[in-house]
Every structure is written in structure tokens, then in C-alpha cells.
Amino acid sequence: MPENKKKLAKNSLIYASFTLLQKGFAFFLIPLYTIKLSPDEYGVLGIVMAAIPFFVLIAGLSLRGSTAYFYYEYKDSDKDYLASLWGSSFTLVLIVSFLFTGTLWLAKALLLEYVFKGIPFDPYIFLALISVCTQPIYYYYQSMLKAKQEAKKAALLDFIYFVIIVGLTIVLILYFDYKAEGALLALAVSNIIFFIYSIYGASKEIRFGINVNAIKKTLNYSLPILPHNLSAWAMNLADRLIINNLSTLSLVGLFDIGAQLGKLINIVTLGVNSAYSPWFFEQIKTNKEHKITIALITEKILLFYILIGIAISWFSPEFLMIISKPAYHGAWVVVPLIAFAFVLNGFYYSFSNVYFLEKTKYLPIITLVGAVLNIAFNFALIPVYGIMGAAIASLSSKMIFVIIAYFVSQKLFFIPYRLKKMTLWFLCGLVISWLPYIMQSRVESYSIFSVIFVKALFLIAMIFPIFWINRKLVYEFVVKRMPKK
């Protein structure tokens, strides 16, 4: 058991490190896009890049979610059947990806009229379809590596995949003067390379072909997950599509850049959650006072997210002034609302571990409700408030989703969170994050770096007392859990 724990911790650290590194590199593409692309061109990129993962999920049928489950069921008892089962799923993903891409190609007139309004098929949608066709196979192969706990190989492949995308994007946009199509071409080329490699790598471990019995088994496991996954991505895509249909691509570009800044907190929440999840399950098994400990740690994590959300909100106007054209400077207005939507998402990560303790049929329904509300709010608010309407819709729907998911999780496994206290923290943090709405017009005449300095002083003055009060807890959770040499 100690070895298993060490392996889990080591693999979690590897995946978290590479994920954070990738997302950090992605963040550094923002200045490139905002300098070289107009808001219209960035709007095209934002819509198409949000649509690709949604279509990839459909093409993949969520089959990659079943690889680990069946690996541990058959790896010792029937390796031959496992090779057949994985091979059947791999083959099905291959077939469905090509058929689905072909269907989208045939339906391009409808896509251009109702989904990708104002976006030419060639080159944008054409390049996107290449990724839709090839990416599901790489994702499935990645899930095989992770099921076998080959963390180093999986993380290294992901890192190389990402470096190729970023490198090609920079070269194509910066040196060959490509626009949005440069980023899409870089993604398509990388997906083709890893599509070929995935087939080669998987061929050593699977038997290609369709085993009907195996396919029934994997689909019974994976298809119920699909609506949940699609609902989550639908929320990410809906606001951009609705802004485009009700307004302009330029506004999509402004919203997307603001949303990217607001979502910076997601890098932090993903990193924390990679350490939190194993710790959560360890507490459940080993600590008699685990519920109180979990509640206490979760409170402090939420407070940490709130402070990060405030920092992102406060500094986003100056950050955009430094890294982008004047056309993008107004995008900061959506950042506080998007940032705090992802603060809520971070809290959701903390308590959603409960859903892995007991099976529940409620989570897909809750996610679907969140997606429907998000779409409804977007339709209601965007015509009136523009990109602010999309940001309000994002925060409102996320709030309702998290509230419902929280109370369902508490029924499954009660943890004594001090909900009133955490709610007060969140609301205070949200209001404090709105400072730029009040002050930004008053500080525009001052030097950007003077404004940054003053904001930083206020932020440090707010953070330091909180850190000092909780320094022992920070030491216990972070320092003591670091691997010893």
C-alpha cells in the first residue's frame, strides 16, 4: 500500500506539473494574438477553438473514460480480452471520428448558417475538421498510458504535443504573417502527427477490429458520461456562439480575451486539485476526524482562490494595456465576473470528490441544468448587456450549478462546511474584485506602473494578515506534503 500511495502522489505531481506548464505556455500566446490579430480575427479563433473540443467529445463517445476501469478489471485475469476490448474501442473511435467529420463536412451549409455565422469554411472550419477527425485517437491512446500509470510517457507526449502547437503557432503568425488560420493550422498539424504516432503506439498493445460484446460493455460504461461532458463544454461554447449570432465577431474576440484572463485562476485550481484529491481520499480512509479536517482545509483553499480572483480582477486592465492593441483594452470588464465563476468552479472541485465515493445518477442531470441555464441566461442578457451579459450569465449559471451540486453532495456524504462563512467570504471577495468598475476611469491619467504599484500594495496589505494567521496550516498542507529527497 505505501508503494501505491507513493506512485499515486508521484503521478499526480507529474500530471499537475506538466498541466500547469502547458497552461502557462498557452497564457503567453495571448500577447501574440492581441498584437497580431484584430478582434474580428480573434473572435473567429475563439469560436472555432471552443467548438473543436465539443465535436471531439462527440466523436470520442467518452470511450477514453472507460480505459482505466477495464484495465484494472482484466489486466491480471484476461490480458487477451483486454487487448480485444481496448482494440475494439480504439477501432470504434477511429471509425466514428471519420464518419462524424464526414457528416459535419456534408452539413457545412447548415454549420455556416447556424453555428459558424460569418466564418468562412475555408480555411477555418476545414482546419478544425482535421483536428476533429484526428484528435480523438490521440486522446484515447493517452488514456491507455494513464490507465497503465505510465505517467512520465503520457506527460512527455502531452508536453511535446503542446510545444509543437505553440511553436508552430508562433512561427506561422509571427514570421509568416498568418492570422487565426495560423493557430488552427498548427493544431491540425500537431494532431496529424500524434494521430499517426498513436496508431503506431497502440498497435503494440491492442487488437484492431470490432468485438461486439466488448463494444457493448465499453459503451454501457462511457455513454452515460457523454451528456455530462458535453454539457460542460456546451457552456464554454454557447456564449461565444450567441454573441456572434446576436452581435459581431469583434465582440466575441473581446469577450474571449477577457474570459481567457478570468480563467487564469483555473490553472491554480487544477494544480491545487491534483494534490487535494489524493489527500481527500487519504483523509477519508485514515483520519477519524477527517470531515472536520476536510472542511477546514477546503475553507482555506476557497479563501486562497478568492484572493487570486481579486488579484486577477484588479490587474487585468493594466495587463491588457501592456500586452495588447487599444482595441482589446476594454475586455477587462468581463474579467471579475469570469474569475469568480472559476473561483466557484474551484470550490466545486473540492467537494465533487464525494461523487467518486458513491455512484450517483444526479451529476449529469445537474450539469445539464447548468448548461441549459447558461444558454438561457446568455440569450436573455447578451442582447441587453453585450459581453457583460455573457459574463453575468457565466457567473449566474455557475453559481446555481455549484449550489445544486453542493447540496446533492452533502446528501451523499455530509461534510460540516461552514457554508455561511464561506458564502460571506465569496460575496465580499466578489464585491472587492469590482474595484476597477469604480476606480479605473479615475486612474487612467496616472502612469500604468504607478497604478500597478499602488494596487499591489493594497493587495499585499490584504493578503499578508490572512497568510500570517494561517501560516501553520499552510506549512502542514504544503511543506510537509512535499516529497523528501
Protein backbone atom coordinates (compact mmCIF):
# COMPACT_ATOMS: atom_id res chain seq x y z
CA MET A 1 0.00 0.00 0.00
CA PRO A 2 2.74 2.58 0.80
CA GLU A 3 4.20 1.96 -2.67
CA ASN A 4 0.79 2.56 -4.27
CA LYS A 5 0.44 5.82 -2.36
CA LYS A 6 3.90 6.94 -3.43
CA LYS A 7 3.10 6.10 -7.05
CA LEU A 8 -0.20 7.97 -6.87
CA ALA A 9 1.49 11.03 -5.37
CA LYS A 10 4.32 10.89 -7.90
CA ASN A 11 1.95 10.52 -10.88
CA SER A 12 -0.28 13.31 -9.59
CA LEU A 13 2.75 15.58 -9.28
CA ILE A 14 3.92 14.74 -12.82
CA TYR A 15 0.48 15.35 -14.40
CA ALA A 16 -0.05 18.55 -12.39
CA SER A 17 3.40 19.94 -13.25
CA PHE A 18 3.02 19.32 -16.98
CA THR A 19 -0.57 20.62 -16.99
CA LEU A 20 0.48 23.84 -15.28
CA LEU A 21 3.46 24.20 -17.61
CA GLN A 22 1.24 23.76 -20.68
CA LYS A 23 -1.38 26.22 -19.49
CA GLY A 24 1.35 28.68 -18.59
CA PHE A 25 2.77 28.49 -22.12
CA ALA A 26 -0.77 28.91 -23.54
CA PHE A 27 -1.15 32.07 -21.50
CA PHE A 28 1.95 33.54 -23.16
CA LEU A 29 0.25 33.21 -26.56
CA ILE A 30 -2.27 35.87 -25.52
CA PRO A 31 0.11 38.81 -26.23
CA LEU A 32 0.87 37.31 -29.66
CA TYR A 33 -2.84 37.06 -30.51
CA THR A 34 -3.74 40.51 -29.21
CA ILE A 35 -0.88 42.19 -31.09
CA LYS A 36 -1.13 40.31 -34.41
CA LEU A 37 -4.89 39.62 -34.64
CA SER A 38 -7.76 42.07 -34.87
CA PRO A 39 -10.75 41.50 -32.52
CA ASP A 40 -12.67 40.03 -35.51
CA GLU A 41 -9.88 37.53 -36.21
CA TYR A 42 -9.56 36.68 -32.53
CA GLY A 43 -13.33 36.16 -32.45
CA VAL A 44 -13.04 33.61 -35.27
CA LEU A 45 -10.27 31.82 -33.37
CA GLY A 46 -12.22 31.89 -30.10
CA ILE A 47 -15.33 30.31 -31.61
CA VAL A 48 -13.54 27.62 -33.62
CA MET A 49 -11.17 26.71 -30.77
CA ALA A 50 -14.15 26.33 -28.42
CA ALA A 51 -16.05 24.21 -30.97
CA ILE A 52 -13.24 21.71 -31.62
CA PRO A 53 -13.24 20.10 -28.12
CA PHE A 54 -17.04 19.89 -28.20
CA PHE A 55 -17.00 18.00 -31.51
CA VAL A 56 -14.04 15.86 -30.37
CA LEU A 57 -16.05 14.74 -27.34
CA ILE A 58 -18.90 13.61 -29.60
CA ALA A 59 -16.51 11.77 -31.93
CA GLY A 60 -14.77 10.06 -29.00
CA LEU A 61 -18.06 8.90 -27.38
CA SER A 62 -16.34 9.35 -23.97
CA LEU A 63 -14.78 5.91 -24.55
CA ARG A 64 -11.45 7.06 -23.14
CA GLY A 65 -13.19 7.32 -19.78
CA SER A 66 -13.54 3.52 -19.72
CA THR A 67 -9.90 2.54 -20.32
CA ALA A 68 -8.70 2.60 -16.70
CA TYR A 69 -11.83 0.88 -15.38
CA PHE A 70 -11.50 -2.12 -17.70
CA TYR A 71 -7.71 -2.19 -17.43
CA TYR A 72 -7.89 -2.96 -13.71
CA GLU A 73 -10.68 -5.44 -14.27
CA TYR A 74 -8.82 -7.55 -16.87
CA LYS A 75 -5.07 -6.76 -16.69
CA ASP A 76 -4.35 -9.77 -14.47
CA SER A 77 -7.22 -12.12 -15.26
CA ASP A 78 -7.50 -11.85 -19.07
CA LYS A 79 -4.91 -9.76 -20.91
CA ASP A 80 -6.02 -11.15 -24.26
CA TYR A 81 -9.58 -9.94 -23.73
CA LEU A 82 -8.25 -6.55 -22.57
CA ALA A 83 -6.30 -6.22 -25.85
CA SER A 84 -9.50 -7.05 -27.75
CA LEU A 85 -11.62 -4.67 -25.65
CA TRP A 86 -9.20 -1.76 -25.99
CA GLY A 87 -8.73 -2.56 -29.67
CA SER A 88 -12.48 -2.55 -30.28
CA SER A 89 -12.86 0.83 -28.57
CA PHE A 90 -9.85 2.23 -30.45
CA THR A 91 -11.25 1.00 -33.77
CA LEU A 92 -14.70 2.39 -32.98
CA VAL A 93 -13.25 5.81 -32.13
CA LEU A 94 -11.33 5.72 -35.41
CA ILE A 95 -14.47 4.87 -37.42
CA VAL A 96 -16.78 7.31 -35.62
CA SER A 97 -14.24 10.15 -35.89
CA PHE A 98 -14.07 9.81 -39.68
CA LEU A 99 -17.84 9.32 -40.06
CA PHE A 100 -18.67 12.25 -37.79
CA THR A 101 -16.18 14.52 -39.58
CA GLY A 102 -17.68 13.46 -42.91
CA THR A 103 -21.16 14.29 -41.60
CA LEU A 104 -20.00 17.75 -40.50
CA TRP A 105 -18.44 18.25 -43.94
CA LEU A 106 -21.71 17.34 -45.67
CA ALA A 107 -23.64 19.61 -43.31
CA LYS A 108 -21.28 22.55 -43.79
CA ALA A 109 -24.01 24.78 -45.22
CA LEU A 110 -26.06 24.35 -42.03
CA LEU A 111 -22.98 24.79 -39.84
CA LEU A 112 -22.06 28.05 -41.55
CA GLU A 113 -25.61 29.39 -41.26
CA TYR A 114 -26.45 28.41 -37.67
CA VAL A 115 -23.17 27.69 -35.83
CA PHE A 116 -20.27 29.46 -37.53
CA LYS A 117 -22.06 32.57 -38.75
CA GLY A 118 -19.71 34.89 -40.64
CA ILE A 119 -16.80 32.42 -40.54
CA PRO A 120 -15.61 31.10 -43.94
CA PHE A 121 -15.42 27.31 -44.28
CA ASP A 122 -12.03 27.51 -45.97
CA PRO A 123 -9.61 27.65 -44.22
CA TYR A 124 -11.06 27.91 -40.69
CA ILE A 125 -13.67 25.15 -40.49
CA PHE A 126 -11.68 22.90 -42.83
CA LEU A 127 -8.66 23.03 -40.49
CA ALA A 128 -10.91 22.50 -37.48
CA LEU A 129 -12.38 19.34 -39.06
CA ILE A 130 -8.88 17.89 -39.44
CA SER A 131 -8.46 18.21 -35.67
CA VAL A 132 -11.93 16.78 -35.00
CA CYS A 133 -11.02 13.76 -37.14
CA THR A 134 -7.59 13.06 -35.63
CA GLN A 135 -7.59 14.27 -32.02
CA PRO A 136 -9.92 11.60 -30.50
CA ILE A 137 -7.42 8.83 -31.35
CA TYR A 138 -4.58 10.62 -29.57
CA TYR A 139 -6.81 11.23 -26.54
CA TYR A 140 -7.73 7.54 -26.41
CA TYR A 141 -4.08 6.49 -26.62
CA GLN A 142 -3.27 8.93 -23.81
CA SER A 143 -5.96 7.32 -21.65
CA MET A 144 -4.32 3.91 -22.23
CA LEU A 145 -0.98 5.24 -20.98
CA LYS A 146 -2.58 6.82 -17.92
CA ALA A 147 -4.52 3.63 -17.14
CA LYS A 148 -1.20 1.76 -17.06
CA GLN A 149 0.22 4.55 -14.86
CA GLU A 150 2.90 5.40 -17.41
CA ALA A 151 2.83 8.96 -16.15
CA LYS A 152 6.20 10.09 -17.49
CA LYS A 153 5.48 8.92 -21.03
CA ALA A 154 1.95 10.34 -21.04
CA ALA A 155 3.08 13.70 -19.67
CA LEU A 156 6.08 13.90 -22.01
CA LEU A 157 3.90 13.16 -25.06
CA ASP A 158 1.42 15.82 -23.99
CA PHE A 159 4.23 18.29 -23.48
CA ILE A 160 5.77 17.60 -26.93
CA TYR A 161 2.28 17.81 -28.48
CA PHE A 162 1.78 21.18 -26.86
CA VAL A 163 5.26 22.52 -27.70
CA ILE A 164 4.66 21.69 -31.39
CA ILE A 165 1.34 23.57 -31.31
CA VAL A 166 2.81 26.63 -29.56
CA GLY A 167 6.00 26.62 -31.67
CA LEU A 168 4.16 26.33 -34.98
CA THR A 169 1.64 28.97 -33.90
CA ILE A 170 4.40 31.46 -33.10
CA VAL A 171 6.29 30.74 -36.34
CA LEU A 172 3.19 30.89 -38.57
CA ILE A 173 1.75 34.07 -37.04
CA LEU A 174 4.93 35.95 -36.23
CA TYR A 175 7.11 35.08 -39.22
CA PHE A 176 4.70 34.07 -42.00
CA ASP A 177 2.02 36.64 -41.11
CA TYR A 178 -0.79 34.08 -40.76
CA LYS A 179 -3.76 35.17 -38.69
CA ALA A 180 -6.35 32.95 -36.95
CA GLU A 181 -5.71 30.23 -39.54
CA GLY A 182 -2.11 30.01 -38.28
CA ALA A 183 -3.19 28.76 -34.85
CA LEU A 184 -5.69 26.33 -36.40
CA LEU A 185 -3.09 25.03 -38.86
CA ALA A 186 -0.61 24.49 -36.02
CA LEU A 187 -3.23 22.48 -34.12
CA ALA A 188 -4.15 20.43 -37.20
CA VAL A 189 -0.51 19.57 -38.00
CA SER A 190 0.17 18.53 -34.41
CA ASN A 191 -2.96 16.37 -34.35
CA ILE A 192 -1.99 14.62 -37.60
CA ILE A 193 1.50 13.83 -36.22
CA PHE A 194 0.13 12.42 -32.96
CA PHE A 195 -2.71 10.61 -34.73
CA ILE A 196 -0.09 8.62 -36.67
CA TYR A 197 2.05 8.07 -33.57
CA SER A 198 -0.97 6.94 -31.51
CA ILE A 199 -1.91 4.27 -34.05
CA TYR A 200 1.70 3.05 -34.06
CA GLY A 201 1.96 3.08 -30.24
CA ALA A 202 -1.41 1.42 -29.66
CA SER A 203 -0.78 -1.30 -32.26
CA LYS A 204 1.73 -2.91 -29.88
CA GLU A 205 -0.90 -3.44 -27.20
CA ILE A 206 -4.29 -3.86 -28.86
CA ARG A 207 -6.02 -5.98 -31.48
CA PHE A 208 -7.71 -3.84 -34.12
CA GLY A 209 -11.24 -4.84 -35.03
CA ILE A 210 -14.71 -4.81 -33.54
CA ASN A 211 -15.68 -7.24 -30.78
CA VAL A 212 -19.42 -6.63 -30.37
CA ASN A 213 -19.51 -7.93 -26.79
CA ALA A 214 -16.60 -5.69 -25.79
CA ILE A 215 -18.11 -2.65 -27.51
CA LYS A 216 -21.42 -3.12 -25.67
CA LYS A 217 -19.52 -3.27 -22.39
CA THR A 218 -17.48 -0.12 -23.01
CA LEU A 219 -20.42 1.87 -24.42
CA ASN A 220 -22.58 0.95 -21.41
CA TYR A 221 -19.87 2.48 -19.25
CA SER A 222 -18.97 5.52 -21.36
CA LEU A 223 -22.19 6.76 -22.97
CA PRO A 224 -23.82 7.83 -19.66
CA ILE A 225 -20.76 10.07 -19.09
CA LEU A 226 -21.11 11.75 -22.51
CA PRO A 227 -24.03 14.12 -21.72
CA HIS A 228 -22.21 15.31 -18.60
CA ASN A 229 -19.00 16.04 -20.55
CA LEU A 230 -20.88 17.68 -23.44
CA SER A 231 -22.86 19.90 -21.07
CA ALA A 232 -19.66 21.23 -19.52
CA TRP A 233 -18.18 22.09 -22.94
CA ALA A 234 -21.50 23.44 -24.22
CA MET A 235 -21.31 26.14 -21.54
CA ASN A 236 -17.87 27.12 -22.83
CA LEU A 237 -19.07 27.33 -26.43
CA ALA A 238 -22.59 28.73 -26.08
CA ASP A 239 -21.72 32.28 -25.02
CA ARG A 240 -19.36 32.79 -27.97
CA LEU A 241 -21.88 31.43 -30.49
CA ILE A 242 -24.70 33.53 -29.08
CA ILE A 243 -22.59 36.73 -29.04
CA ASN A 244 -21.66 36.05 -32.67
CA ASN A 245 -25.24 35.39 -33.73
CA LEU A 246 -26.70 38.34 -31.85
CA SER A 247 -23.82 40.77 -32.33
CA THR A 248 -20.40 40.63 -34.06
CA LEU A 249 -17.21 38.56 -34.27
CA SER A 250 -15.35 41.57 -32.86
CA LEU A 251 -17.35 41.36 -29.63
CA VAL A 252 -16.63 37.62 -29.49
CA GLY A 253 -12.93 38.48 -29.67
CA LEU A 254 -13.22 40.98 -26.80
CA PHE A 255 -15.19 38.54 -24.66
CA ASP A 256 -12.81 35.68 -25.40
CA ILE A 257 -9.68 37.59 -24.40
CA GLY A 258 -11.35 38.75 -21.19
CA ALA A 259 -12.55 35.23 -20.47
CA GLN A 260 -9.03 33.86 -21.02
CA LEU A 261 -7.71 36.26 -18.38
CA GLY A 262 -10.54 35.43 -15.98
CA LYS A 263 -9.87 31.72 -16.45
CA LEU A 264 -6.25 32.12 -15.33
CA ILE A 265 -7.45 31.07 -11.90
CA ASN A 266 -8.31 27.69 -13.42
CA ILE A 267 -4.56 26.99 -13.69
CA VAL A 268 -4.34 27.40 -9.91
CA THR A 269 -7.47 25.35 -9.12
CA LEU A 270 -6.37 22.46 -11.35
CA GLY A 271 -2.94 22.42 -9.72
CA VAL A 272 -4.38 22.51 -6.20
CA ASN A 273 -6.97 19.86 -7.03
CA SER A 274 -4.32 17.44 -8.32
CA ALA A 275 -2.86 17.47 -4.79
CA TYR A 276 -6.19 17.85 -2.99
CA SER A 277 -7.99 14.82 -4.48
CA PRO A 278 -5.47 12.16 -3.29
CA TRP A 279 -5.32 13.95 0.08
CA PHE A 280 -9.13 13.91 0.33
CA PHE A 281 -9.35 10.15 -0.18
CA GLU A 282 -6.44 9.61 2.23
CA GLN A 283 -8.30 11.57 4.90
CA ILE A 284 -11.45 9.52 4.36
CA LYS A 285 -9.54 6.28 4.94
CA THR A 286 -7.07 7.19 7.69
CA ASN A 287 -8.29 10.14 9.74
CA LYS A 288 -11.10 9.72 12.28
CA GLU A 289 -11.63 13.47 12.33
CA HIS A 290 -11.46 13.61 8.51
CA LYS A 291 -14.70 15.53 7.98
CA ILE A 292 -13.65 18.43 10.19
CA THR A 293 -10.16 18.46 8.65
CA ILE A 294 -11.57 18.40 5.10
CA ALA A 295 -13.97 21.25 5.90
CA LEU A 296 -11.20 23.36 7.46
CA ILE A 297 -8.74 22.85 4.59
CA THR A 298 -11.45 23.49 1.97
CA GLU A 299 -12.33 26.80 3.63
CA LYS A 300 -8.72 27.94 3.42
CA ILE A 301 -8.42 26.78 -0.19
CA LEU A 302 -11.56 28.77 -1.10
CA LEU A 303 -10.10 31.85 0.61
CA PHE A 304 -6.91 31.37 -1.42
CA TYR A 305 -8.95 31.18 -4.66
CA ILE A 306 -10.85 34.34 -3.70
CA LEU A 307 -7.60 36.26 -3.20
CA ILE A 308 -6.29 35.05 -6.57
CA GLY A 309 -9.61 36.08 -8.16
CA ILE A 310 -9.28 39.58 -6.68
CA ALA A 311 -5.68 39.90 -7.92
CA ILE A 312 -6.61 38.85 -11.47
CA SER A 313 -9.57 41.25 -11.47
CA TRP A 314 -7.58 44.22 -10.18
CA PHE A 315 -4.61 43.91 -12.52
CA SER A 316 -6.41 42.89 -15.73
CA PRO A 317 -6.91 46.48 -17.06
CA GLU A 318 -3.19 47.29 -16.79
CA PHE A 319 -2.17 43.88 -18.11
CA LEU A 320 -4.25 44.41 -21.25
CA MET A 321 -2.82 47.90 -21.73
CA ILE A 322 0.71 46.46 -21.63
CA ILE A 323 0.26 43.40 -23.88
CA SER A 324 -2.44 44.31 -26.40
CA LYS A 325 -3.67 46.77 -29.00
CA PRO A 326 -6.02 49.54 -27.78
CA ALA A 327 -8.92 47.64 -29.41
CA TYR A 328 -8.65 44.98 -26.67
CA HIS A 329 -8.26 47.27 -23.65
CA GLY A 330 -11.97 47.26 -22.84
CA ALA A 331 -12.06 43.46 -22.48
CA TRP A 332 -11.14 43.73 -18.76
CA VAL A 333 -14.77 44.47 -17.86
CA VAL A 334 -15.72 40.76 -18.01
CA VAL A 335 -12.69 39.56 -16.01
CA PRO A 336 -14.01 39.95 -12.41
CA LEU A 337 -17.21 38.03 -13.19
CA ILE A 338 -15.44 35.26 -15.14
CA ALA A 339 -12.70 34.99 -12.49
CA PHE A 340 -15.25 34.50 -9.72
CA ALA A 341 -17.19 31.99 -11.79
CA PHE A 342 -13.95 29.97 -11.74
CA VAL A 343 -13.49 30.60 -8.01
CA LEU A 344 -16.80 28.77 -7.65
CA ASN A 345 -15.53 26.10 -10.02
CA GLY A 346 -12.51 25.61 -7.75
CA PHE A 347 -14.82 25.09 -4.77
CA TYR A 348 -16.79 22.60 -6.86
CA TYR A 349 -13.57 20.63 -7.49
CA SER A 350 -13.12 20.37 -3.72
CA PHE A 351 -16.48 18.88 -2.81
CA SER A 352 -17.12 16.97 -6.06
CA ASN A 353 -14.69 14.27 -4.88
CA VAL A 354 -17.70 12.99 -2.96
CA TYR A 355 -19.20 11.82 -6.26
CA PHE A 356 -16.35 9.33 -6.57
CA LEU A 357 -17.14 7.82 -3.16
CA GLU A 358 -20.67 6.84 -4.13
CA LYS A 359 -22.09 6.38 -7.60
CA THR A 360 -24.77 8.87 -8.44
CA LYS A 361 -27.03 9.46 -11.38
CA TYR A 362 -27.51 13.09 -10.41
CA LEU A 363 -24.30 14.70 -11.66
CA PRO A 364 -25.08 14.53 -15.42
CA ILE A 365 -28.54 15.97 -14.70
CA ILE A 366 -27.06 18.79 -12.61
CA THR A 367 -24.52 19.61 -15.32
CA LEU A 368 -27.25 19.60 -17.97
CA VAL A 369 -29.31 22.00 -15.84
CA GLY A 370 -26.25 24.27 -15.58
CA ALA A 371 -25.76 24.20 -19.37
CA VAL A 372 -29.43 24.95 -20.09
CA LEU A 373 -29.43 27.85 -17.61
CA ASN A 374 -26.21 29.21 -19.11
CA ILE A 375 -27.69 29.19 -22.61
CA ALA A 376 -30.97 30.72 -21.42
CA PHE A 377 -29.18 33.48 -19.48
CA ASN A 378 -26.96 34.23 -22.48
CA PHE A 379 -29.95 34.61 -24.80
CA ALA A 380 -31.66 36.88 -22.26
CA LEU A 381 -28.69 39.04 -21.25
CA ILE A 382 -26.41 39.39 -24.30
CA PRO A 383 -28.90 41.45 -26.40
CA VAL A 384 -29.20 43.91 -23.49
CA TYR A 385 -25.72 43.98 -21.95
CA GLY A 386 -23.41 42.62 -24.68
CA ILE A 387 -20.28 40.88 -23.42
CA MET A 388 -21.15 41.85 -19.83
CA GLY A 389 -24.35 39.87 -20.31
CA ALA A 390 -22.29 36.81 -21.23
CA ALA A 391 -20.11 37.30 -18.14
CA ILE A 392 -23.15 37.70 -15.87
CA ALA A 393 -24.66 34.57 -17.45
CA SER A 394 -21.45 32.65 -16.81
CA LEU A 395 -21.29 33.62 -13.13
CA SER A 396 -25.04 33.16 -12.52
CA SER A 397 -25.30 29.72 -14.13
CA LYS A 398 -22.10 28.55 -12.40
CA MET A 399 -23.47 29.75 -9.08
CA ILE A 400 -26.73 27.82 -9.49
CA PHE A 401 -24.86 24.72 -10.72
CA VAL A 402 -22.47 24.77 -7.74
CA ILE A 403 -25.31 25.33 -5.23
CA ILE A 404 -27.29 22.36 -6.57
CA ALA A 405 -24.21 20.12 -6.84
CA TYR A 406 -23.15 21.10 -3.30
CA PHE A 407 -26.45 20.17 -1.65
CA VAL A 408 -26.66 16.88 -3.56
CA SER A 409 -23.10 16.01 -2.50
CA GLN A 410 -23.97 16.80 1.12
CA LYS A 411 -26.83 14.31 0.98
CA LEU A 412 -24.45 11.66 -0.33
CA PHE A 413 -21.65 12.35 2.14
CA PHE A 414 -22.07 15.09 4.74
CA ILE A 415 -19.07 17.30 5.48
CA PRO A 416 -19.50 20.10 8.06
CA TYR A 417 -18.53 23.05 5.90
CA ARG A 418 -19.26 26.44 7.47
CA LEU A 419 -21.34 27.47 4.50
CA LYS A 420 -22.45 30.87 5.82
CA LYS A 421 -18.85 31.87 6.49
CA MET A 422 -17.66 30.70 3.05
CA THR A 423 -20.60 32.42 1.33
CA LEU A 424 -19.76 35.68 3.11
CA TRP A 425 -16.10 35.36 2.05
CA PHE A 426 -17.12 34.75 -1.54
CA LEU A 427 -19.55 37.69 -1.69
CA CYS A 428 -17.06 40.06 -0.04
CA GLY A 429 -14.35 38.92 -2.46
CA LEU A 430 -16.68 39.40 -5.42
CA VAL A 431 -17.53 42.96 -4.34
CA ILE A 432 -13.84 43.81 -3.72
CA SER A 433 -13.00 42.45 -7.19
CA TRP A 434 -15.32 45.09 -8.64
CA LEU A 435 -12.96 47.91 -7.61
CA PRO A 436 -11.87 48.53 -11.25
CA TYR A 437 -15.52 49.24 -12.19
CA ILE A 438 -15.45 52.15 -9.74
CA MET A 439 -11.85 53.35 -9.90
CA GLN A 440 -10.47 52.54 -13.36
CA SER A 441 -11.75 55.68 -15.08
CA ARG A 442 -10.24 57.77 -12.25
CA VAL A 443 -6.72 56.29 -12.51
CA GLU A 444 -6.34 56.36 -16.31
CA SER A 445 -4.44 59.66 -16.19
CA TYR A 446 -1.73 58.14 -13.97
CA SER A 447 1.24 56.04 -15.07
CA ILE A 448 0.34 52.37 -15.62
CA PHE A 449 3.21 51.20 -13.42
CA SER A 450 2.26 53.62 -10.65
CA VAL A 451 -1.27 52.19 -10.66
CA ILE A 452 0.10 48.63 -10.60
CA PHE A 453 2.37 49.53 -7.66
CA VAL A 454 -0.47 51.05 -5.61
CA LYS A 455 -2.80 48.12 -6.35
CA ALA A 456 -0.02 45.68 -5.38
CA LEU A 457 0.46 47.46 -2.03
CA PHE A 458 -3.26 47.22 -1.25
CA LEU A 459 -3.30 43.55 -2.25
CA ILE A 460 -0.26 42.71 -0.09
CA ALA A 461 -1.82 44.59 2.84
CA MET A 462 -4.94 42.44 2.44
CA ILE A 463 -3.15 39.09 1.90
CA PHE A 464 -0.36 39.25 4.50
CA PRO A 465 -2.56 39.17 7.65
CA ILE A 466 -4.55 36.25 6.21
CA PHE A 467 -1.36 34.33 5.40
CA TRP A 468 0.15 35.05 8.82
CA ILE A 469 -2.94 33.81 10.68
CA ASN A 470 -2.94 30.59 8.64
CA ARG A 471 0.83 30.05 8.35
CA LYS A 472 0.82 26.79 10.37
CA LEU A 473 -1.94 25.33 8.23
CA VAL A 474 -0.10 26.32 5.04
CA TYR A 475 3.02 24.60 6.36
CA GLU A 476 1.09 21.44 7.28
CA PHE A 477 -0.69 21.14 3.92
CA VAL A 478 2.06 22.28 1.54
CA VAL A 479 5.54 21.96 3.01
CA LYS A 480 5.09 18.68 4.89
CA ARG A 481 3.46 17.05 1.86
CA MET A 482 6.35 17.84 -0.47
CA PRO A 483 8.34 14.73 -1.43
CA LYS A 484 11.51 14.30 0.64
CA LYS A 485 14.82 13.78 -1.11
